[in-house]
Amino acid sequence: MAEKKKDPGPSVKDPEVYEALRDDGASKEKAARIANAAAARGRSAVGERGGEATDYEDRTVDELRKRAAELDIEGRSSMSKAELIEALRHH
């Protein structure tokens, strides 16, 4: 029997994209943000965005901490570079 997905609620504008992202391990916040952008601008437009950022491995610890602060990741000040990269990737 297939598992029934929980309805993400009315704030998520593209539930199909949301569920696919959650299945891939994205946080609820990230999945909702991307799903809503896809609903507003179209899925292909959201997929074309980006490509400007450098790899996390190429950034300094200070740059990673600054990005973690923008995302309000707790414990960032005591994280190593590897821990910061892991936290940013799974936010």
C-alpha atoms as a PDB file:
ATOM      1  CA  MET A   1       0.000   0.000   0.000  1.00  0.00           C
ATOM      2  CA  ALA A   2       1.363   3.415  -0.961  1.00  0.00           C
ATOM      3  CA  GLU A   3       2.255   5.825   1.800  1.00  0.00           C
ATOM      4  CA  LYS A   4      -0.047   8.848   1.920  1.00  0.00           C
ATOM      5  CA  LYS A   5       1.812  12.146   1.972  1.00  0.00           C
ATOM      6  CA  LYS A   6       0.859  14.741   4.550  1.00  0.00           C
ATOM      7  CA  ASP A   7      -0.630  17.899   3.051  1.00  0.00           C
ATOM      8  CA  PRO A   8       1.983  20.658   3.519  1.00  0.00           C
ATOM      9  CA  GLY A   9      -0.765  23.250   3.994  1.00  0.00           C
ATOM     10  CA  PRO A  10      -2.073  26.246   2.100  1.00  0.00           C
ATOM     11  CA  SER A  11       1.163  28.244   2.329  1.00  0.00           C
ATOM     12  CA  VAL A  12       2.870  25.830  -0.093  1.00  0.00           C
ATOM     13  CA  LYS A  13       1.828  26.719  -3.630  1.00  0.00           C
ATOM     14  CA  ASP A  14       3.302  23.687  -5.460  1.00  0.00           C
ATOM     15  CA  PRO A  15       2.876  20.590  -3.253  1.00  0.00           C
ATOM     16  CA  GLU A  16       4.397  18.257  -5.859  1.00  0.00           C
ATOM     17  CA  VAL A  17       7.710  20.158  -5.903  1.00  0.00           C
ATOM     18  CA  TYR A  18       7.587  20.488  -2.101  1.00  0.00           C
ATOM     19  CA  GLU A  19       7.197  16.724  -1.591  1.00  0.00           C
ATOM     20  CA  ALA A  20       9.945  15.904  -4.102  1.00  0.00           C
ATOM     21  CA  LEU A  21      12.347  18.228  -2.284  1.00  0.00           C
ATOM     22  CA  ARG A  22      11.397  16.830   1.127  1.00  0.00           C
ATOM     23  CA  ASP A  23      11.944  13.289  -0.211  1.00  0.00           C
ATOM     24  CA  ASP A  24      15.428  14.426  -1.303  1.00  0.00           C
ATOM     25  CA  GLY A  25      16.153  15.632   2.250  1.00  0.00           C
ATOM     26  CA  ALA A  26      15.479  19.382   1.995  1.00  0.00           C
ATOM     27  CA  SER A  27      14.247  21.126   5.138  1.00  0.00           C
ATOM     28  CA  LYS A  28      10.608  22.170   5.307  1.00  0.00           C
ATOM     29  CA  GLU A  29      11.590  25.822   4.963  1.00  0.00           C
ATOM     30  CA  LYS A  30      13.821  25.280   1.956  1.00  0.00           C
ATOM     31  CA  ALA A  31      11.292  23.012   0.234  1.00  0.00           C
ATOM     32  CA  ALA A  32       8.487  25.539   0.766  1.00  0.00           C
ATOM     33  CA  ARG A  33      10.642  28.425  -0.470  1.00  0.00           C
ATOM     34  CA  ILE A  34      11.574  26.600  -3.688  1.00  0.00           C
ATOM     35  CA  ALA A  35       8.058  25.231  -4.255  1.00  0.00           C
ATOM     36  CA  ASN A  36       6.547  28.692  -3.899  1.00  0.00           C
ATOM     37  CA  ALA A  37       9.126  30.195  -6.254  1.00  0.00           C
ATOM     38  CA  ALA A  38       8.369  27.452  -8.776  1.00  0.00           C
ATOM     39  CA  ALA A  39       4.651  28.198  -8.538  1.00  0.00           C
ATOM     40  CA  ALA A  40       5.202  31.944  -8.963  1.00  0.00           C
ATOM     41  CA  ARG A  41       7.734  31.922 -11.817  1.00  0.00           C
ATOM     42  CA  GLY A  42       7.377  28.467 -13.311  1.00  0.00           C
ATOM     43  CA  ARG A  43       9.419  25.376 -12.593  1.00  0.00           C
ATOM     44  CA  SER A  44      11.853  25.852 -15.461  1.00  0.00           C
ATOM     45  CA  ALA A  45      12.603  29.458 -14.448  1.00  0.00           C
ATOM     46  CA  VAL A  46      13.474  28.381 -10.911  1.00  0.00           C
ATOM     47  CA  GLY A  47      15.719  25.626 -12.267  1.00  0.00           C
ATOM     48  CA  GLU A  48      17.634  28.135 -14.393  1.00  0.00           C
ATOM     49  CA  ARG A  49      18.464  30.438 -11.490  1.00  0.00           C
ATOM     50  CA  GLY A  50      21.786  30.374  -9.766  1.00  0.00           C
ATOM     51  CA  GLY A  51      25.146  29.226 -10.946  1.00  0.00           C
ATOM     52  CA  GLU A  52      26.906  32.308  -9.566  1.00  0.00           C
ATOM     53  CA  ALA A  53      27.953  31.058  -6.123  1.00  0.00           C
ATOM     54  CA  THR A  54      31.299  29.448  -5.386  1.00  0.00           C
ATOM     55  CA  ASP A  55      31.559  25.978  -3.893  1.00  0.00           C
ATOM     56  CA  TYR A  56      31.420  25.879  -0.107  1.00  0.00           C
ATOM     57  CA  GLU A  57      34.821  24.164  -0.068  1.00  0.00           C
ATOM     58  CA  ASP A  58      36.356  27.191  -1.833  1.00  0.00           C
ATOM     59  CA  ARG A  59      35.065  29.648   0.782  1.00  0.00           C
ATOM     60  CA  THR A  60      36.808  30.681   3.979  1.00  0.00           C
ATOM     61  CA  VAL A  61      35.444  29.798   7.415  1.00  0.00           C
ATOM     62  CA  ASP A  62      34.511  33.470   7.910  1.00  0.00           C
ATOM     63  CA  GLU A  63      32.529  33.463   4.655  1.00  0.00           C
ATOM     64  CA  LEU A  64      30.769  30.253   5.671  1.00  0.00           C
ATOM     65  CA  ARG A  65      29.937  31.667   9.121  1.00  0.00           C
ATOM     66  CA  LYS A  66      28.535  34.816   7.506  1.00  0.00           C
ATOM     67  CA  ARG A  67      26.278  32.706   5.262  1.00  0.00           C
ATOM     68  CA  ALA A  68      25.261  30.565   8.255  1.00  0.00           C
ATOM     69  CA  ALA A  69      24.370  33.751  10.142  1.00  0.00           C
ATOM     70  CA  GLU A  70      22.178  34.877   7.224  1.00  0.00           C
ATOM     71  CA  LEU A  71      20.330  31.557   7.527  1.00  0.00           C
ATOM     72  CA  ASP A  72      20.262  31.758  11.346  1.00  0.00           C
ATOM     73  CA  ILE A  73      22.018  28.418  11.843  1.00  0.00           C
ATOM     74  CA  GLU A  74      22.556  27.850  15.549  1.00  0.00           C
ATOM     75  CA  GLY A  75      25.993  26.949  16.892  1.00  0.00           C
ATOM     76  CA  ARG A  76      27.809  28.328  13.848  1.00  0.00           C
ATOM     77  CA  SER A  77      30.457  30.177  15.862  1.00  0.00           C
ATOM     78  CA  SER A  78      31.925  26.963  17.229  1.00  0.00           C
ATOM     79  CA  MET A  79      31.615  24.861  14.046  1.00  0.00           C
ATOM     80  CA  SER A  80      34.558  23.693  11.990  1.00  0.00           C
ATOM     81  CA  LYS A  81      34.638  24.316   8.253  1.00  0.00           C
ATOM     82  CA  ALA A  82      33.352  20.805   7.545  1.00  0.00           C
ATOM     83  CA  GLU A  83      30.526  21.229  10.069  1.00  0.00           C
ATOM     84  CA  LEU A  84      29.555  24.593   8.574  1.00  0.00           C
ATOM     85  CA  ILE A  85      29.442  23.093   5.073  1.00  0.00           C
ATOM     86  CA  GLU A  86      27.281  20.225   6.305  1.00  0.00           C
ATOM     87  CA  ALA A  87      24.906  22.588   8.122  1.00  0.00           C
ATOM     88  CA  LEU A  88      24.590  24.898   5.114  1.00  0.00           C
ATOM     89  CA  ARG A  89      23.931  22.025   2.726  1.00  0.00           C
ATOM     90  CA  HIS A  90      21.199  20.597   4.921  1.00  0.00           C
ATOM     91  CA  HIS A  91      19.502  23.821   5.939  1.00  0.00           C
END
